Amino acid sequence: MQKRNWRVSVDINCWLEGREGMYCVSTFDLSETGVSVLCSDPAPEGKILDLKFFTPFSVEAITVRGEVVWSCTGPEARMGLRFLDMNEMTRNVLKTTMQLMRTREQGEKF
């Protein structure tokens, strides 16, 4: 059984870029290994896309390559991407962002 990574609910506007061009999407959860996004036209499973977004710890947009691992159409269309080939610097920025979000999420519960 594959271990599931901790996810945080988060709404970040980001851009997905593929052969068909670039379009804006919103995240609804994020982990160190992937992201789920809301979008009007989800890509099919297996599609490779570049995701670009800003974090509080990055001056420039972070670009992460991702593979669509699930996709669902309908009124609340969305898809999940698994991050691929992430360099160490990007992984550290993402990890720090996740820790900040986790701290904020826990603080809101009290």
C-alpha atoms as a PDB file:
ATOM      1  CA  MET A   1       0.000   0.000   0.000  1.00  0.00           C
ATOM      2  CA  GLN A   2       1.377   3.402  -1.010  1.00  0.00           C
ATOM      3  CA  LYS A   3       1.787   5.913   1.820  1.00  0.00           C
ATOM      4  CA  ARG A   4      -0.354   8.988   1.337  1.00  0.00           C
ATOM      5  CA  ASN A   5       1.240  12.367   1.975  1.00  0.00           C
ATOM      6  CA  TRP A   6      -0.269  14.944   4.288  1.00  0.00           C
ATOM      7  CA  ARG A   7      -2.383  17.441   2.329  1.00  0.00           C
ATOM      8  CA  VAL A   8      -3.468  20.941   3.205  1.00  0.00           C
ATOM      9  CA  SER A   9      -6.550  22.687   1.865  1.00  0.00           C
ATOM     10  CA  VAL A  10      -5.358  25.767   0.037  1.00  0.00           C
ATOM     11  CA  ASP A  11      -6.673  28.151  -2.581  1.00  0.00           C
ATOM     12  CA  ILE A  12      -3.767  29.363  -4.725  1.00  0.00           C
ATOM     13  CA  ASN A  13      -4.183  30.698  -8.232  1.00  0.00           C
ATOM     14  CA  CYS A  14      -1.665  29.104 -10.539  1.00  0.00           C
ATOM     15  CA  TRP A  15      -1.062  28.499 -14.212  1.00  0.00           C
ATOM     16  CA  LEU A  16      -0.952  25.204 -16.054  1.00  0.00           C
ATOM     17  CA  GLU A  17       1.041  25.084 -19.251  1.00  0.00           C
ATOM     18  CA  GLY A  18       1.001  22.347 -21.875  1.00  0.00           C
ATOM     19  CA  ARG A  19       1.135  22.028 -25.648  1.00  0.00           C
ATOM     20  CA  GLU A  20      -2.299  23.625 -25.953  1.00  0.00           C
ATOM     21  CA  GLY A  21      -1.216  26.793 -24.132  1.00  0.00           C
ATOM     22  CA  MET A  22      -1.470  28.220 -20.634  1.00  0.00           C
ATOM     23  CA  TYR A  23      -4.559  28.623 -18.458  1.00  0.00           C
ATOM     24  CA  CYS A  24      -5.310  29.728 -14.898  1.00  0.00           C
ATOM     25  CA  VAL A  25      -6.578  27.226 -12.309  1.00  0.00           C
ATOM     26  CA  SER A  26      -7.119  27.237  -8.537  1.00  0.00           C
ATOM     27  CA  THR A  27      -5.705  24.668  -6.163  1.00  0.00           C
ATOM     28  CA  PHE A  28      -7.877  23.031  -3.529  1.00  0.00           C
ATOM     29  CA  ASP A  29      -5.278  20.892  -1.842  1.00  0.00           C
ATOM     30  CA  LEU A  30      -1.515  20.592  -1.878  1.00  0.00           C
ATOM     31  CA  SER A  31       1.064  18.105  -0.641  1.00  0.00           C
ATOM     32  CA  GLU A  32       4.812  17.741  -1.072  1.00  0.00           C
ATOM     33  CA  THR A  33       4.214  15.272  -3.909  1.00  0.00           C
ATOM     34  CA  GLY A  34       1.226  16.705  -5.745  1.00  0.00           C
ATOM     35  CA  VAL A  35      -1.672  19.085  -6.087  1.00  0.00           C
ATOM     36  CA  SER A  36      -5.396  18.976  -6.855  1.00  0.00           C
ATOM     37  CA  VAL A  37      -6.795  21.783  -8.976  1.00  0.00           C
ATOM     38  CA  LEU A  38     -10.191  23.094 -10.003  1.00  0.00           C
ATOM     39  CA  CYS A  39     -10.402  23.736 -13.743  1.00  0.00           C
ATOM     40  CA  SER A  40     -13.027  24.056 -16.443  1.00  0.00           C
ATOM     41  CA  ASP A  41     -11.412  21.546 -18.811  1.00  0.00           C
ATOM     42  CA  PRO A  42      -9.385  18.852 -16.979  1.00  0.00           C
ATOM     43  CA  ALA A  43      -6.597  17.180 -18.930  1.00  0.00           C
ATOM     44  CA  PRO A  44      -6.683  13.412 -19.430  1.00  0.00           C
ATOM     45  CA  GLU A  45      -4.773  11.037 -17.148  1.00  0.00           C
ATOM     46  CA  GLY A  46      -1.137  10.679 -18.162  1.00  0.00           C
ATOM     47  CA  LYS A  47      -0.851  14.221 -19.576  1.00  0.00           C
ATOM     48  CA  ILE A  48       2.319  16.081 -18.516  1.00  0.00           C
ATOM     49  CA  LEU A  49       1.880  19.758 -17.609  1.00  0.00           C
ATOM     50  CA  ASP A  50       3.960  22.527 -16.033  1.00  0.00           C
ATOM     51  CA  LEU A  51       2.404  24.175 -12.979  1.00  0.00           C
ATOM     52  CA  LYS A  52       3.541  27.720 -12.084  1.00  0.00           C
ATOM     53  CA  PHE A  53       2.663  29.408  -8.794  1.00  0.00           C
ATOM     54  CA  PHE A  54       3.991  31.773  -6.142  1.00  0.00           C
ATOM     55  CA  THR A  55       4.610  31.009  -2.466  1.00  0.00           C
ATOM     56  CA  PRO A  56       5.470  33.345   0.430  1.00  0.00           C
ATOM     57  CA  PHE A  57       9.036  31.996   0.141  1.00  0.00           C
ATOM     58  CA  SER A  58       9.683  32.510  -3.565  1.00  0.00           C
ATOM     59  CA  VAL A  59      10.478  35.752  -5.358  1.00  0.00           C
ATOM     60  CA  GLU A  60       9.771  34.217  -8.742  1.00  0.00           C
ATOM     61  CA  ALA A  61       7.079  31.764  -9.757  1.00  0.00           C
ATOM     62  CA  ILE A  62       7.930  28.167  -8.935  1.00  0.00           C
ATOM     63  CA  THR A  63       7.583  25.823 -11.886  1.00  0.00           C
ATOM     64  CA  VAL A  64       6.898  22.160 -11.220  1.00  0.00           C
ATOM     65  CA  ARG A  65       6.284  19.507 -13.862  1.00  0.00           C
ATOM     66  CA  GLY A  66       3.348  17.266 -13.065  1.00  0.00           C
ATOM     67  CA  GLU A  67       1.536  14.250 -14.450  1.00  0.00           C
ATOM     68  CA  VAL A  68      -2.258  14.111 -14.370  1.00  0.00           C
ATOM     69  CA  VAL A  69      -3.084  11.066 -12.227  1.00  0.00           C
ATOM     70  CA  TRP A  70      -6.840  11.555 -12.026  1.00  0.00           C
ATOM     71  CA  SER A  71      -9.344  13.742 -13.794  1.00  0.00           C
ATOM     72  CA  CYS A  72     -13.050  14.407 -13.310  1.00  0.00           C
ATOM     73  CA  THR A  73     -15.432  16.474 -15.429  1.00  0.00           C
ATOM     74  CA  GLY A  74     -18.776  17.979 -14.544  1.00  0.00           C
ATOM     75  CA  PRO A  75     -19.961  21.039 -12.638  1.00  0.00           C
ATOM     76  CA  GLU A  76     -16.984  20.849 -10.273  1.00  0.00           C
ATOM     77  CA  ALA A  77     -14.350  19.753 -12.783  1.00  0.00           C
ATOM     78  CA  ARG A  78     -10.938  19.051 -11.276  1.00  0.00           C
ATOM     79  CA  MET A  79      -7.802  16.974 -11.617  1.00  0.00           C
ATOM     80  CA  GLY A  80      -4.869  15.755  -9.572  1.00  0.00           C
ATOM     81  CA  LEU A  81      -1.238  16.107 -10.563  1.00  0.00           C
ATOM     82  CA  ARG A  82       1.738  14.192  -9.200  1.00  0.00           C
ATOM     83  CA  PHE A  83       4.926  16.259  -9.173  1.00  0.00           C
ATOM     84  CA  LEU A  84       7.784  14.973 -11.335  1.00  0.00           C
ATOM     85  CA  ASP A  85      11.528  15.675 -11.295  1.00  0.00           C
ATOM     86  CA  MET A  86      11.437  18.381  -8.621  1.00  0.00           C
ATOM     87  CA  ASN A  87      14.835  19.900  -7.803  1.00  0.00           C
ATOM     88  CA  GLU A  88      15.981  20.202  -4.190  1.00  0.00           C
ATOM     89  CA  MET A  89      15.511  23.981  -3.975  1.00  0.00           C
ATOM     90  CA  THR A  90      11.897  23.755  -5.182  1.00  0.00           C
ATOM     91  CA  ARG A  91      11.245  20.819  -2.838  1.00  0.00           C
ATOM     92  CA  ASN A  92      12.554  22.864   0.119  1.00  0.00           C
ATOM     93  CA  VAL A  93      10.423  25.919  -0.782  1.00  0.00           C
ATOM     94  CA  LEU A  94       7.371  23.683  -1.105  1.00  0.00           C
ATOM     95  CA  LYS A  95       8.147  21.929   2.194  1.00  0.00           C
ATOM     96  CA  THR A  96       8.510  25.279   4.001  1.00  0.00           C
ATOM     97  CA  THR A  97       5.249  26.498   2.466  1.00  0.00           C
ATOM     98  CA  MET A  98       3.497  23.321   3.606  1.00  0.00           C
ATOM     99  CA  GLN A  99       4.808  23.790   7.165  1.00  0.00           C
ATOM    100  CA  LEU A 100       3.529  27.388   7.207  1.00  0.00           C
ATOM    101  CA  MET A 101       0.119  26.292   5.935  1.00  0.00           C
ATOM    102  CA  ARG A 102      -0.034  23.472   8.473  1.00  0.00           C
ATOM    103  CA  THR A 103       0.771  25.908  11.306  1.00  0.00           C
ATOM    104  CA  ARG A 104      -1.918  28.327  10.094  1.00  0.00           C
ATOM    105  CA  GLU A 105      -4.446  25.481   9.752  1.00  0.00           C
ATOM    106  CA  GLN A 106      -3.749  24.232  13.279  1.00  0.00           C
ATOM    107  CA  GLY A 107      -3.917  27.776  14.665  1.00  0.00           C
ATOM    108  CA  GLU A 108      -7.364  28.316  13.165  1.00  0.00           C
ATOM    109  CA  LYS A 109      -8.739  25.279  15.019  1.00  0.00           C
ATOM    110  CA  PHE A 110      -8.024  26.754  18.452  1.00  0.00           C
END
